[in-house]
Protein backbone atom coordinates (compact mmCIF):
# COMPACT_ATOMS: atom_id res chain seq x y z
CA UNK A 1 0.00 0.00 0.00
CA UNK A 2 1.51 3.19 -1.20
CA UNK A 3 0.24 6.47 0.24
CA UNK A 4 2.01 8.45 -2.43
CA UNK A 5 4.37 10.16 0.03
CA UNK A 6 8.07 9.58 -0.22
CA UNK A 7 10.46 9.84 2.69
CA UNK A 8 11.86 13.09 1.35
CA UNK A 9 8.40 14.65 1.12
CA UNK A 10 7.60 13.55 4.66
CA UNK A 11 10.81 15.10 6.01
CA UNK A 12 10.12 18.31 4.09
CA UNK A 13 6.57 18.45 5.49
CA UNK A 14 7.87 17.96 9.04
CA UNK A 15 10.55 20.60 8.56
CA UNK A 16 8.25 23.21 7.04
CA UNK A 17 5.06 22.79 9.06
CA UNK A 18 5.27 20.62 12.17
CA UNK A 19 8.55 21.76 13.73
CA UNK A 20 7.75 25.50 13.40
CA UNK A 21 4.27 24.83 14.83
CA UNK A 22 5.81 23.13 17.86
CA UNK A 23 8.28 26.00 18.33
CA UNK A 24 5.48 28.59 18.09
CA UNK A 25 3.39 26.65 20.61
CA UNK A 26 6.36 26.51 23.00
CA UNK A 27 7.02 30.26 22.70
CA UNK A 28 3.33 31.08 23.20
CA UNK A 29 3.20 28.84 26.28
CA UNK A 30 6.24 30.58 27.79
CA UNK A 31 4.77 34.01 27.00
CA UNK A 32 1.46 33.25 28.69
CA UNK A 33 3.17 31.78 31.77
CA UNK A 34 5.30 34.93 32.06
CA UNK A 35 2.24 37.13 31.68
CA UNK A 36 0.38 35.13 34.36
CA UNK A 37 3.33 35.52 36.75
CA UNK A 38 3.39 39.28 36.16
CA UNK A 39 -0.30 39.50 36.99
CA UNK A 40 0.24 37.52 40.19
CA UNK A 41 3.01 39.90 41.26
CA UNK A 42 0.84 42.94 40.49
CA UNK A 43 -2.01 41.43 42.53
CA UNK A 44 0.32 40.86 45.49
CA UNK A 45 1.57 44.44 45.26
CA UNK A 46 -2.00 45.76 45.12
CA UNK A 47 -2.97 43.72 48.19
CA UNK A 48 0.07 44.99 50.08
CA UNK A 49 -0.77 48.60 49.22
CA UNK A 50 -4.38 48.06 50.28
CA UNK A 51 -3.18 46.75 53.65
CA UNK A 52 -0.91 49.77 54.07
CA UNK A 53 -3.77 52.14 53.24
CA UNK A 54 -6.03 50.33 55.71
CA UNK A 55 -3.42 50.70 58.45
CA UNK A 56 -2.98 54.39 57.67
CA UNK A 57 -6.73 54.89 57.64
CA UNK A 58 -7.11 53.21 61.03
CA UNK A 59 -4.38 55.42 62.47
CA UNK A 60 -5.98 58.55 61.03
CA UNK A 61 -9.39 57.54 62.39
CA UNK A 62 -7.90 57.07 65.86
CA UNK A 63 -6.24 60.47 65.73
CA UNK A 64 -9.49 62.04 64.53
CA UNK A 65 -11.36 60.50 67.47
CA UNK A 66 -8.85 62.09 69.83
CA UNK A 67 -9.22 65.45 68.12
CA UNK A 68 -13.02 65.20 68.28
CA UNK A 69 -12.78 64.35 71.96
CA UNK A 70 -10.51 67.35 72.60
CA UNK A 71 -12.88 69.67 70.74
CA UNK A 72 -16.05 68.42 72.39
CA UNK A 73 -14.74 67.84 75.93
CA UNK A 74 -13.66 70.89 77.86
CA UNK A 75 -11.39 69.90 80.66
CA UNK A 76 -8.08 70.11 82.42
CA UNK A 77 -6.34 67.56 80.19
CA UNK A 78 -6.69 69.44 76.89
CA UNK A 79 -3.07 70.66 76.74
CA UNK A 80 -1.77 67.19 77.66
CA UNK A 81 -3.91 65.61 74.95
CA UNK A 82 -2.64 68.07 72.34
CA UNK A 83 0.96 67.35 73.35
CA UNK A 84 0.22 63.64 73.15
CA UNK A 85 -0.89 64.11 69.55
CA UNK A 86 2.41 65.75 68.65
CA UNK A 87 4.39 62.74 69.83
CA UNK A 88 4.73 59.66 67.61
CA UNK A 89 2.01 57.08 68.16
CA UNK A 90 2.66 54.63 70.97
CA UNK A 91 1.23 51.14 70.87
CA UNK A 92 -0.44 50.46 74.19
CA UNK A 93 -0.45 47.06 75.80
CA UNK A 94 -3.68 45.65 77.18
CA UNK A 95 -2.72 46.68 80.72
CA UNK A 96 -1.93 50.25 79.67
CA UNK A 97 -5.23 50.50 77.81
CA UNK A 98 -7.15 49.23 80.83
CA UNK A 99 -5.43 51.65 83.21
CA UNK A 100 -5.91 54.55 80.77
CA UNK A 101 -9.60 53.75 80.45
CA UNK A 102 -9.92 53.46 84.24
CA UNK A 103 -8.09 56.80 84.76
CA UNK A 104 -10.18 58.65 82.21
CA UNK A 105 -13.45 57.33 83.64
CA UNK A 106 -12.49 58.33 87.18
CA UNK A 107 -11.24 61.77 86.15
CA UNK A 108 -14.56 62.63 84.46
CA UNK A 109 -16.56 62.05 87.62
PDB file of N, CA and C in Angstrom:
ATOM      1  N   UNK A   1       0.834  -1.168   0.000  1.00  0.00           N
ATOM      2  CA  UNK A   1       0.000   0.000   0.000  1.00  0.00           C
ATOM      3  C   UNK A   1       0.887   1.241   0.000  1.00  0.00           C
ATOM      4  N   UNK A   2       0.697   1.998  -1.013  1.00  0.00           N
ATOM      5  CA  UNK A   2       1.515   3.185  -1.197  1.00  0.00           C
ATOM      6  C   UNK A   2       0.638   4.414  -0.992  1.00  0.00           C
ATOM      7  N   UNK A   3       1.020   5.268  -0.057  1.00  0.00           N
ATOM      8  CA  UNK A   3       0.244   6.473   0.239  1.00  0.00           C
ATOM      9  C   UNK A   3       0.615   7.614  -0.690  1.00  0.00           C
ATOM     10  N   UNK A   4       1.585   7.426  -1.491  1.00  0.00           N
ATOM     11  CA  UNK A   4       2.008   8.450  -2.428  1.00  0.00           C
ATOM     12  C   UNK A   4       2.913   9.490  -1.814  1.00  0.00           C
ATOM     13  N   UNK A   5       3.483   9.213  -0.641  1.00  0.00           N
ATOM     14  CA  UNK A   5       4.369  10.158   0.031  1.00  0.00           C
ATOM     15  C   UNK A   5       5.726   9.488   0.187  1.00  0.00           C
ATOM     16  N   UNK A   6       6.719  10.139  -0.358  1.00  0.00           N
ATOM     17  CA  UNK A   6       8.067   9.584  -0.218  1.00  0.00           C
ATOM     18  C   UNK A   6       8.678  10.068   1.086  1.00  0.00           C
ATOM     19  N   UNK A   7       9.770   9.481   1.461  1.00  0.00           N
ATOM     20  CA  UNK A   7      10.455   9.844   2.692  1.00  0.00           C
ATOM     21  C   UNK A   7      10.933  11.298   2.637  1.00  0.00           C
ATOM     22  N   UNK A   8      11.384  11.711   1.515  1.00  0.00           N
ATOM     23  CA  UNK A   8      11.857  13.088   1.353  1.00  0.00           C
ATOM     24  C   UNK A   8      10.709  14.095   1.533  1.00  0.00           C
ATOM     25  N   UNK A   9       9.556  13.767   0.968  1.00  0.00           N
ATOM     26  CA  UNK A   9       8.399  14.653   1.117  1.00  0.00           C
ATOM     27  C   UNK A   9       7.941  14.715   2.584  1.00  0.00           C
ATOM     28  N   UNK A  10       7.984  13.591   3.250  1.00  0.00           N
ATOM     29  CA  UNK A  10       7.604  13.546   4.659  1.00  0.00           C
ATOM     30  C   UNK A  10       8.541  14.416   5.513  1.00  0.00           C
ATOM     31  N   UNK A  11       9.824  14.298   5.281  1.00  0.00           N
ATOM     32  CA  UNK A  11      10.812  15.100   6.013  1.00  0.00           C
ATOM     33  C   UNK A  11      10.618  16.584   5.709  1.00  0.00           C
ATOM     34  N   UNK A  12      10.354  16.914   4.471  1.00  0.00           N
ATOM     35  CA  UNK A  12      10.124  18.312   4.087  1.00  0.00           C
ATOM     36  C   UNK A  12       8.869  18.845   4.772  1.00  0.00           C
ATOM     37  N   UNK A  13       7.810  18.039   4.816  1.00  0.00           N
ATOM     38  CA  UNK A  13       6.575  18.453   5.493  1.00  0.00           C
ATOM     39  C   UNK A  13       6.833  18.702   6.971  1.00  0.00           C
ATOM     40  N   UNK A  14       7.550  17.810   7.632  1.00  0.00           N
ATOM     41  CA  UNK A  14       7.866  17.959   9.045  1.00  0.00           C
ATOM     42  C   UNK A  14       8.698  19.222   9.279  1.00  0.00           C
ATOM     43  N   UNK A  15       9.662  19.457   8.410  1.00  0.00           N
ATOM     44  CA  UNK A  15      10.546  20.599   8.561  1.00  0.00           C
ATOM     45  C   UNK A  15       9.803  21.916   8.341  1.00  0.00           C
ATOM     46  N   UNK A  16       8.917  21.966   7.404  1.00  0.00           N
ATOM     47  CA  UNK A  16       8.248  23.211   7.040  1.00  0.00           C
ATOM     48  C   UNK A  16       7.049  23.512   7.941  1.00  0.00           C
ATOM     49  N   UNK A  17       6.302  22.521   8.347  1.00  0.00           N
ATOM     50  CA  UNK A  17       5.062  22.787   9.064  1.00  0.00           C
ATOM     51  C   UNK A  17       5.070  22.365  10.542  1.00  0.00           C
ATOM     52  N   UNK A  18       5.431  21.158  10.831  1.00  0.00           N
ATOM     53  CA  UNK A  18       5.272  20.617  12.174  1.00  0.00           C
ATOM     54  C   UNK A  18       6.281  21.217  13.163  1.00  0.00           C
ATOM     55  N   UNK A  19       7.534  21.236  12.823  1.00  0.00           N
ATOM     56  CA  UNK A  19       8.555  21.756  13.734  1.00  0.00           C
ATOM     57  C   UNK A  19       8.318  23.240  14.045  1.00  0.00           C
ATOM     58  N   UNK A  20       8.060  24.103  13.051  1.00  0.00           N
ATOM     59  CA  UNK A  20       7.753  25.499  13.398  1.00  0.00           C
ATOM     60  C   UNK A  20       6.485  25.636  14.256  1.00  0.00           C
ATOM     61  N   UNK A  21       5.488  24.780  14.017  1.00  0.00           N
ATOM     62  CA  UNK A  21       4.270  24.829  14.825  1.00  0.00           C
ATOM     63  C   UNK A  21       4.583  24.489  16.274  1.00  0.00           C
ATOM     64  N   UNK A  22       5.424  23.509  16.494  1.00  0.00           N
ATOM     65  CA  UNK A  22       5.811  23.133  17.859  1.00  0.00           C
ATOM     66  C   UNK A  22       6.591  24.269  18.518  1.00  0.00           C
ATOM     67  N   UNK A  23       7.495  24.884  17.797  1.00  0.00           N
ATOM     68  CA  UNK A  23       8.279  25.996  18.333  1.00  0.00           C
ATOM     69  C   UNK A  23       7.360  27.174  18.684  1.00  0.00           C
ATOM     70  N   UNK A  24       6.420  27.493  17.831  1.00  0.00           N
ATOM     71  CA  UNK A  24       5.480  28.587  18.088  1.00  0.00           C
ATOM     72  C   UNK A  24       4.628  28.279  19.314  1.00  0.00           C
ATOM     73  N   UNK A  25       4.177  27.032  19.435  1.00  0.00           N
ATOM     74  CA  UNK A  25       3.387  26.652  20.610  1.00  0.00           C
ATOM     75  C   UNK A  25       4.219  26.790  21.892  1.00  0.00           C
ATOM     76  N   UNK A  26       5.477  26.395  21.841  1.00  0.00           N
ATOM     77  CA  UNK A  26       6.361  26.506  23.003  1.00  0.00           C
ATOM     78  C   UNK A  26       6.558  27.973  23.395  1.00  0.00           C
ATOM     79  N   UNK A  27       6.817  28.833  22.424  1.00  0.00           N
ATOM     80  CA  UNK A  27       7.020  30.258  22.697  1.00  0.00           C
ATOM     81  C   UNK A  27       5.741  30.879  23.267  1.00  0.00           C
ATOM     82  N   UNK A  28       4.596  30.543  22.706  1.00  0.00           N
ATOM     83  CA  UNK A  28       3.328  31.078  23.203  1.00  0.00           C
ATOM     84  C   UNK A  28       3.083  30.618  24.638  1.00  0.00           C
ATOM     85  N   UNK A  29       3.380  29.368  24.933  1.00  0.00           N
ATOM     86  CA  UNK A  29       3.204  28.840  26.284  1.00  0.00           C
ATOM     87  C   UNK A  29       4.077  29.609  27.277  1.00  0.00           C
ATOM     88  N   UNK A  30       5.336  29.828  26.928  1.00  0.00           N
ATOM     89  CA  UNK A  30       6.243  30.581  27.795  1.00  0.00           C
ATOM     90  C   UNK A  30       5.750  32.012  27.994  1.00  0.00           C
ATOM     91  N   UNK A  31       5.263  32.631  26.931  1.00  0.00           N
ATOM     92  CA  UNK A  31       4.769  34.008  26.997  1.00  0.00           C
ATOM     93  C   UNK A  31       3.587  34.112  27.957  1.00  0.00           C
ATOM     94  N   UNK A  32       2.644  33.195  27.845  1.00  0.00           N
ATOM     95  CA  UNK A  32       1.461  33.249  28.695  1.00  0.00           C
ATOM     96  C   UNK A  32       1.793  32.927  30.157  1.00  0.00           C
ATOM     97  N   UNK A  33       2.749  32.045  30.389  1.00  0.00           N
ATOM     98  CA  UNK A  33       3.171  31.777  31.769  1.00  0.00           C
ATOM     99  C   UNK A  33       3.839  33.009  32.377  1.00  0.00           C
ATOM    100  N   UNK A  34       4.655  33.712  31.586  1.00  0.00           N
ATOM    101  CA  UNK A  34       5.297  34.928  32.057  1.00  0.00           C
ATOM    102  C   UNK A  34       4.253  36.002  32.354  1.00  0.00           C
ATOM    103  N   UNK A  35       3.294  36.130  31.480  1.00  0.00           N
ATOM    104  CA  UNK A  35       2.239  37.126  31.683  1.00  0.00           C
ATOM    105  C   UNK A  35       1.423  36.813  32.940  1.00  0.00           C
ATOM    106  N   UNK A  36       1.114  35.539  33.159  1.00  0.00           N
ATOM    107  CA  UNK A  36       0.377  35.134  34.359  1.00  0.00           C
ATOM    108  C   UNK A  36       1.184  35.460  35.619  1.00  0.00           C
ATOM    109  N   UNK A  37       2.472  35.228  35.593  1.00  0.00           N
ATOM    110  CA  UNK A  37       3.333  35.518  36.745  1.00  0.00           C
ATOM    111  C   UNK A  37       3.352  37.023  37.032  1.00  0.00           C
ATOM    112  N   UNK A  38       3.418  37.828  35.975  1.00  0.00           N
ATOM    113  CA  UNK A  38       3.394  39.284  36.160  1.00  0.00           C
ATOM    114  C   UNK A  38       2.090  39.730  36.811  1.00  0.00           C
ATOM    115  N   UNK A  39       0.984  39.146  36.399  1.00  0.00           N
ATOM    116  CA  UNK A  39      -0.302  39.496  36.993  1.00  0.00           C
ATOM    117  C   UNK A  39      -0.368  39.089  38.459  1.00  0.00           C
ATOM    118  N   UNK A  40       0.203  37.950  38.795  1.00  0.00           N
ATOM    119  CA  UNK A  40       0.235  37.519  40.190  1.00  0.00           C
ATOM    120  C   UNK A  40       1.044  38.498  41.044  1.00  0.00           C
ATOM    121  N   UNK A  41       2.169  38.949  40.530  1.00  0.00           N
ATOM    122  CA  UNK A  41       3.007  39.900  41.261  1.00  0.00           C
ATOM    123  C   UNK A  41       2.273  41.220  41.438  1.00  0.00           C
ATOM    124  N   UNK A  42       1.600  41.694  40.397  1.00  0.00           N
ATOM    125  CA  UNK A  42       0.840  42.936  40.491  1.00  0.00           C
ATOM    126  C   UNK A  42      -0.296  42.808  41.511  1.00  0.00           C
ATOM    127  N   UNK A  43      -0.930  41.648  41.553  1.00  0.00           N
ATOM    128  CA  UNK A  43      -2.008  41.435  42.529  1.00  0.00           C
ATOM    129  C   UNK A  43      -1.453  41.445  43.954  1.00  0.00           C
ATOM    130  N   UNK A  44      -0.291  40.840  44.170  1.00  0.00           N
ATOM    131  CA  UNK A  44       0.321  40.856  45.495  1.00  0.00           C
ATOM    132  C   UNK A  44       0.681  42.287  45.899  1.00  0.00           C
ATOM    133  N   UNK A  45       1.218  43.048  44.964  1.00  0.00           N
ATOM    134  CA  UNK A  45       1.570  44.445  45.262  1.00  0.00           C
ATOM    135  C   UNK A  45       0.323  45.258  45.591  1.00  0.00           C
ATOM    136  N   UNK A  46      -0.753  45.034  44.861  1.00  0.00           N
ATOM    137  CA  UNK A  46      -2.000  45.760  45.123  1.00  0.00           C
ATOM    138  C   UNK A  46      -2.546  45.404  46.503  1.00  0.00           C
ATOM    139  N   UNK A  47      -2.480  44.140  46.863  1.00  0.00           N
ATOM    140  CA  UNK A  47      -2.966  43.719  48.186  1.00  0.00           C
ATOM    141  C   UNK A  47      -2.120  44.330  49.292  1.00  0.00           C
ATOM    142  N   UNK A  48      -0.814  44.395  49.077  1.00  0.00           N
ATOM    143  CA  UNK A  48       0.070  44.992  50.079  1.00  0.00           C
ATOM    144  C   UNK A  48      -0.223  46.487  50.244  1.00  0.00           C
ATOM    145  N   UNK A  49      -0.434  47.172  49.139  1.00  0.00           N
ATOM    146  CA  UNK A  49      -0.766  48.596  49.219  1.00  0.00           C
ATOM    147  C   UNK A  49      -2.108  48.804  49.912  1.00  0.00           C
ATOM    148  N   UNK A  50      -3.074  47.947  49.631  1.00  0.00           N
ATOM    149  CA  UNK A  50      -4.378  48.062  50.283  1.00  0.00           C
ATOM    150  C   UNK A  50      -4.239  47.888  51.793  1.00  0.00           C
ATOM    151  N   UNK A  51      -3.403  46.957  52.211  1.00  0.00           N
ATOM    152  CA  UNK A  51      -3.179  46.755  53.650  1.00  0.00           C
ATOM    153  C   UNK A  51      -2.514  47.975  54.273  1.00  0.00           C
ATOM    154  N   UNK A  52      -1.564  48.570  53.558  1.00  0.00           N
ATOM    155  CA  UNK A  52      -0.911  49.771  54.073  1.00  0.00           C
ATOM    156  C   UNK A  52      -1.915  50.914  54.197  1.00  0.00           C
ATOM    157  N   UNK A  53      -2.760  51.081  53.192  1.00  0.00           N
ATOM    158  CA  UNK A  53      -3.772  52.136  53.242  1.00  0.00           C
ATOM    159  C   UNK A  53      -4.757  51.895  54.383  1.00  0.00           C
ATOM    160  N   UNK A  54      -5.112  50.652  54.611  1.00  0.00           N
ATOM    161  CA  UNK A  54      -6.027  50.332  55.708  1.00  0.00           C
ATOM    162  C   UNK A  54      -5.391  50.679  57.051  1.00  0.00           C
ATOM    163  N   UNK A  55      -4.114  50.378  57.204  1.00  0.00           N
ATOM    164  CA  UNK A  55      -3.424  50.700  58.453  1.00  0.00           C
ATOM    165  C   UNK A  55      -3.346  52.217  58.647  1.00  0.00           C
ATOM    166  N   UNK A  56      -3.041  52.925  57.571  1.00  0.00           N
ATOM    167  CA  UNK A  56      -2.980  54.388  57.670  1.00  0.00           C
ATOM    168  C   UNK A  56      -4.350  54.966  57.988  1.00  0.00           C
ATOM    169  N   UNK A  57      -5.380  54.406  57.387  1.00  0.00           N
ATOM    170  CA  UNK A  57      -6.731  54.891  57.642  1.00  0.00           C
ATOM    171  C   UNK A  57      -7.122  54.660  59.093  1.00  0.00           C
ATOM    172  N   UNK A  58      -6.787  53.511  59.627  1.00  0.00           N
ATOM    173  CA  UNK A  58      -7.107  53.213  61.026  1.00  0.00           C
ATOM    174  C   UNK A  58      -6.388  54.190  61.954  1.00  0.00           C
ATOM    175  N   UNK A  59      -5.135  54.469  61.645  1.00  0.00           N
ATOM    176  CA  UNK A  59      -4.379  55.416  62.472  1.00  0.00           C
ATOM    177  C   UNK A  59      -4.988  56.820  62.387  1.00  0.00           C
ATOM    178  N   UNK A  60      -5.367  57.222  61.197  1.00  0.00           N
ATOM    179  CA  UNK A  60      -5.978  58.553  61.030  1.00  0.00           C
ATOM    180  C   UNK A  60      -7.328  58.626  61.749  1.00  0.00           C
ATOM    181  N   UNK A  61      -8.105  57.563  61.690  1.00  0.00           N
ATOM    182  CA  UNK A  61      -9.393  57.545  62.391  1.00  0.00           C
ATOM    183  C   UNK A  61      -9.192  57.670  63.900  1.00  0.00           C
ATOM    184  N   UNK A  62      -8.190  56.989  64.424  1.00  0.00           N
ATOM    185  CA  UNK A  62      -7.905  57.068  65.857  1.00  0.00           C
ATOM    186  C   UNK A  62      -7.509  58.484  66.240  1.00  0.00           C
ATOM    187  N   UNK A  63      -6.666  59.096  65.443  1.00  0.00           N
ATOM    188  CA  UNK A  63      -6.245  60.471  65.733  1.00  0.00           C
ATOM    189  C   UNK A  63      -7.433  61.424  65.626  1.00  0.00           C
ATOM    190  N   UNK A  64      -8.310  61.197  64.672  1.00  0.00           N
ATOM    191  CA  UNK A  64      -9.491  62.039  64.527  1.00  0.00           C
ATOM    192  C   UNK A  64     -10.405  61.906  65.737  1.00  0.00           C
ATOM    193  N   UNK A  65     -10.554  60.692  66.261  1.00  0.00           N
ATOM    194  CA  UNK A  65     -11.361  60.498  67.468  1.00  0.00           C
ATOM    195  C   UNK A  65     -10.799  61.317  68.632  1.00  0.00           C
ATOM    196  N   UNK A  66      -9.470  61.328  68.759  1.00  0.00           N
ATOM    197  CA  UNK A  66      -8.850  62.088  69.832  1.00  0.00           C
ATOM    198  C   UNK A  66      -9.107  63.576  69.636  1.00  0.00           C
ATOM    199  N   UNK A  67      -8.970  64.039  68.395  1.00  0.00           N
ATOM    200  CA  UNK A  67      -9.217  65.454  68.119  1.00  0.00           C
ATOM    201  C   UNK A  67     -10.674  65.804  68.404  1.00  0.00           C
ATOM    202  N   UNK A  68     -11.599  64.953  68.001  1.00  0.00           N
ATOM    203  CA  UNK A  68     -13.017  65.196  68.284  1.00  0.00           C
ATOM    204  C   UNK A  68     -13.265  65.255  69.793  1.00  0.00           C
ATOM    205  N   UNK A  69     -12.619  64.370  70.516  1.00  0.00           N
ATOM    206  CA  UNK A  69     -12.775  64.354  71.963  1.00  0.00           C
ATOM    207  C   UNK A  69     -12.225  65.641  72.573  1.00  0.00           C
ATOM    208  N   UNK A  70     -11.089  66.117  72.087  1.00  0.00           N
ATOM    209  CA  UNK A  70     -10.512  67.355  72.596  1.00  0.00           C
ATOM    210  C   UNK A  70     -11.441  68.525  72.319  1.00  0.00           C
ATOM    211  N   UNK A  71     -12.004  68.556  71.116  1.00  0.00           N
ATOM    212  CA  UNK A  71     -12.876  69.669  70.735  1.00  0.00           C
ATOM    213  C   UNK A  71     -14.170  69.652  71.525  1.00  0.00           C
ATOM    214  N   UNK A  72     -14.743  68.488  71.724  1.00  0.00           N
ATOM    215  CA  UNK A  72     -16.051  68.418  72.387  1.00  0.00           C
ATOM    216  C   UNK A  72     -15.967  68.407  73.906  1.00  0.00           C
ATOM    217  N   UNK A  73     -14.883  67.898  74.470  1.00  0.00           N
ATOM    218  CA  UNK A  73     -14.741  67.844  75.927  1.00  0.00           C
ATOM    219  C   UNK A  73     -13.901  69.020  76.392  1.00  0.00           C
ATOM    220  N   UNK A  74     -14.468  69.831  77.250  1.00  0.00           N
ATOM    221  CA  UNK A  74     -13.661  70.891  77.856  1.00  0.00           C
ATOM    222  C   UNK A  74     -13.185  70.365  79.187  1.00  0.00           C
ATOM    223  N   UNK A  75     -11.896  70.443  79.413  1.00  0.00           N
ATOM    224  CA  UNK A  75     -11.390  69.899  80.661  1.00  0.00           C
ATOM    225  C   UNK A  75      -9.973  70.322  80.912  1.00  0.00           C
ATOM    226  N   UNK A  76      -9.418  69.758  81.972  1.00  0.00           N
ATOM    227  CA  UNK A  76      -8.083  70.110  82.424  1.00  0.00           C
ATOM    228  C   UNK A  76      -7.014  69.467  81.539  1.00  0.00           C
ATOM    229  N   UNK A  77      -7.343  68.350  80.914  1.00  0.00           N
ATOM    230  CA  UNK A  77      -6.339  67.563  80.194  1.00  0.00           C
ATOM    231  C   UNK A  77      -6.169  67.980  78.737  1.00  0.00           C
ATOM    232  N   UNK A  78      -6.747  69.065  78.304  1.00  0.00           N
ATOM    233  CA  UNK A  78      -6.694  69.437  76.893  1.00  0.00           C
ATOM    234  C   UNK A  78      -5.262  69.655  76.421  1.00  0.00           C
ATOM    235  N   UNK A  79      -4.462  70.401  77.147  1.00  0.00           N
ATOM    236  CA  UNK A  79      -3.073  70.662  76.741  1.00  0.00           C
ATOM    237  C   UNK A  79      -2.278  69.363  76.687  1.00  0.00           C
ATOM    238  N   UNK A  80      -2.489  68.483  77.648  1.00  0.00           N
ATOM    239  CA  UNK A  80      -1.774  67.194  77.661  1.00  0.00           C
ATOM    240  C   UNK A  80      -2.183  66.344  76.462  1.00  0.00           C
ATOM    241  N   UNK A  81      -3.448  66.385  76.106  1.00  0.00           N
ATOM    242  CA  UNK A  81      -3.912  65.609  74.954  1.00  0.00           C
ATOM    243  C   UNK A  81      -3.331  66.156  73.654  1.00  0.00           C
ATOM    244  N   UNK A  82      -3.229  67.481  73.550  1.00  0.00           N
ATOM    245  CA  UNK A  82      -2.641  68.072  72.343  1.00  0.00           C
ATOM    246  C   UNK A  82      -1.167  67.701  72.251  1.00  0.00           C
ATOM    247  N   UNK A  83      -0.452  67.749  73.358  1.00  0.00           N
ATOM    248  CA  UNK A  83       0.956  67.349  73.354  1.00  0.00           C
ATOM    249  C   UNK A  83       1.104  65.871  73.004  1.00  0.00           C
ATOM    250  N   UNK A  84       0.176  65.067  73.462  1.00  0.00           N
ATOM    251  CA  UNK A  84       0.224  63.636  73.147  1.00  0.00           C
ATOM    252  C   UNK A  84       0.049  63.406  71.648  1.00  0.00           C
ATOM    253  N   UNK A  85      -0.715  64.251  70.990  1.00  0.00           N
ATOM    254  CA  UNK A  85      -0.890  64.111  69.550  1.00  0.00           C
ATOM    255  C   UNK A  85       0.381  64.457  68.785  1.00  0.00           C
ATOM    256  N   UNK A  86       1.184  65.339  69.324  1.00  0.00           N
ATOM    257  CA  UNK A  86       2.415  65.747  68.653  1.00  0.00           C
ATOM    258  C   UNK A  86       3.483  64.663  68.708  1.00  0.00           C
ATOM    259  N   UNK A  87       3.414  63.795  69.680  1.00  0.00           N
ATOM    260  CA  UNK A  87       4.388  62.736  69.830  1.00  0.00           C
ATOM    261  C   UNK A  87       4.033  61.588  68.900  1.00  0.00           C
ATOM    262  N   UNK A  88       5.036  60.805  68.480  1.00  0.00           N
ATOM    263  CA  UNK A  88       4.728  59.661  67.612  1.00  0.00           C
ATOM    264  C   UNK A  88       3.795  58.688  68.319  1.00  0.00           C
ATOM    265  N   UNK A  89       2.978  57.993  67.542  1.00  0.00           N
ATOM    266  CA  UNK A  89       2.013  57.075  68.158  1.00  0.00           C
ATOM    267  C   UNK A  89       2.722  55.988  68.956  1.00  0.00           C
ATOM    268  N   UNK A  90       2.138  55.653  70.077  1.00  0.00           N
ATOM    269  CA  UNK A  90       2.664  54.631  70.970  1.00  0.00           C
ATOM    270  C   UNK A  90       1.651  53.502  71.053  1.00  0.00           C
ATOM    271  N   UNK A  91       2.121  52.285  70.805  1.00  0.00           N
ATOM    272  CA  UNK A  91       1.226  51.137  70.874  1.00  0.00           C
ATOM    273  C   UNK A  91       1.067  50.751  72.335  1.00  0.00           C
ATOM    274  N   UNK A  92      -0.155  50.783  72.796  1.00  0.00           N
ATOM    275  CA  UNK A  92      -0.438  50.464  74.191  1.00  0.00           C
ATOM    276  C   UNK A  92      -0.647  48.970  74.367  1.00  0.00           C
ATOM    277  N   UNK A  93      -0.159  48.453  75.472  1.00  0.00           N
ATOM    278  CA  UNK A  93      -0.449  47.065  75.802  1.00  0.00           C
ATOM    279  C   UNK A  93      -1.853  47.009  76.402  1.00  0.00           C
ATOM    280  N   UNK A  94      -2.346  45.815  76.616  1.00  0.00           N
ATOM    281  CA  UNK A  94      -3.681  45.645  77.185  1.00  0.00           C
ATOM    282  C   UNK A  94      -3.761  46.261  78.584  1.00  0.00           C
ATOM    283  N   UNK A  95      -2.724  46.117  79.375  1.00  0.00           N
ATOM    284  CA  UNK A  95      -2.718  46.681  80.724  1.00  0.00           C
ATOM    285  C   UNK A  95      -2.758  48.206  80.680  1.00  0.00           C
ATOM    286  N   UNK A  96      -1.957  48.786  79.774  1.00  0.00           N
ATOM    287  CA  UNK A  96      -1.928  50.245  79.666  1.00  0.00           C
ATOM    288  C   UNK A  96      -3.279  50.789  79.211  1.00  0.00           C
ATOM    289  N   UNK A  97      -3.908  50.071  78.270  1.00  0.00           N
ATOM    290  CA  UNK A  97      -5.234  50.501  77.806  1.00  0.00           C
ATOM    291  C   UNK A  97      -6.248  50.448  78.941  1.00  0.00           C
ATOM    292  N   UNK A  98      -6.198  49.378  79.732  1.00  0.00           N
ATOM    293  CA  UNK A  98      -7.146  49.226  80.829  1.00  0.00           C
ATOM    294  C   UNK A  98      -6.935  50.317  81.872  1.00  0.00           C
ATOM    295  N   UNK A  99      -5.681  50.609  82.204  1.00  0.00           N
ATOM    296  CA  UNK A  99      -5.434  51.648  83.207  1.00  0.00           C
ATOM    297  C   UNK A  99      -5.786  53.022  82.661  1.00  0.00           C
ATOM    298  N   UNK A 100      -5.559  53.262  81.366  1.00  0.00           N
ATOM    299  CA  UNK A 100      -5.911  54.555  80.772  1.00  0.00           C
ATOM    300  C   UNK A 100      -7.419  54.734  80.755  1.00  0.00           C
ATOM    301  N   UNK A 101      -8.146  53.684  80.460  1.00  0.00           N
ATOM    302  CA  UNK A 101      -9.604  53.750  80.451  1.00  0.00           C
ATOM    303  C   UNK A 101     -10.118  53.988  81.867  1.00  0.00           C
ATOM    304  N   UNK A 102      -9.513  53.307  82.833  1.00  0.00           N
ATOM    305  CA  UNK A 102      -9.923  53.459  84.236  1.00  0.00           C
ATOM    306  C   UNK A 102      -9.641  54.888  84.709  1.00  0.00           C
ATOM    307  N   UNK A 103      -8.464  55.437  84.356  1.00  0.00           N
ATOM    308  CA  UNK A 103      -8.085  56.801  84.762  1.00  0.00           C
ATOM    309  C   UNK A 103      -9.014  57.838  84.137  1.00  0.00           C
ATOM    310  N   UNK A 104      -9.338  57.659  82.881  1.00  0.00           N
ATOM    311  CA  UNK A 104     -10.178  58.651  82.211  1.00  0.00           C
ATOM    312  C   UNK A 104     -11.608  58.603  82.740  1.00  0.00           C
ATOM    313  N   UNK A 105     -12.084  57.416  83.103  1.00  0.00           N
ATOM    314  CA  UNK A 105     -13.445  57.334  83.635  1.00  0.00           C
ATOM    315  C   UNK A 105     -13.523  57.914  85.041  1.00  0.00           C
ATOM    316  N   UNK A 106     -12.476  57.769  85.832  1.00  0.00           N
ATOM    317  CA  UNK A 106     -12.490  58.325  87.182  1.00  0.00           C
ATOM    318  C   UNK A 106     -12.259  59.830  87.170  1.00  0.00           C
ATOM    319  N   UNK A 107     -11.524  60.340  86.191  1.00  0.00           N
ATOM    320  CA  UNK A 107     -11.242  61.770  86.150  1.00  0.00           C
ATOM    321  C   UNK A 107     -12.460  62.555  85.658  1.00  0.00           C
ATOM    322  N   UNK A 108     -13.364  61.951  84.954  1.00  0.00           N
ATOM    323  CA  UNK A 108     -14.561  62.633  84.459  1.00  0.00           C
ATOM    324  C   UNK A 108     -15.619  62.778  85.529  1.00  0.00           C
ATOM    325  N   UNK A 109     -15.537  62.031  86.584  1.00  0.00           N
ATOM    326  CA  UNK A 109     -16.559  62.045  87.623  1.00  0.00           C
ATOM    327  C   UNK A 109     -16.357  63.167  88.554  1.00  0.00           C
TER     328      UNK A 109
END
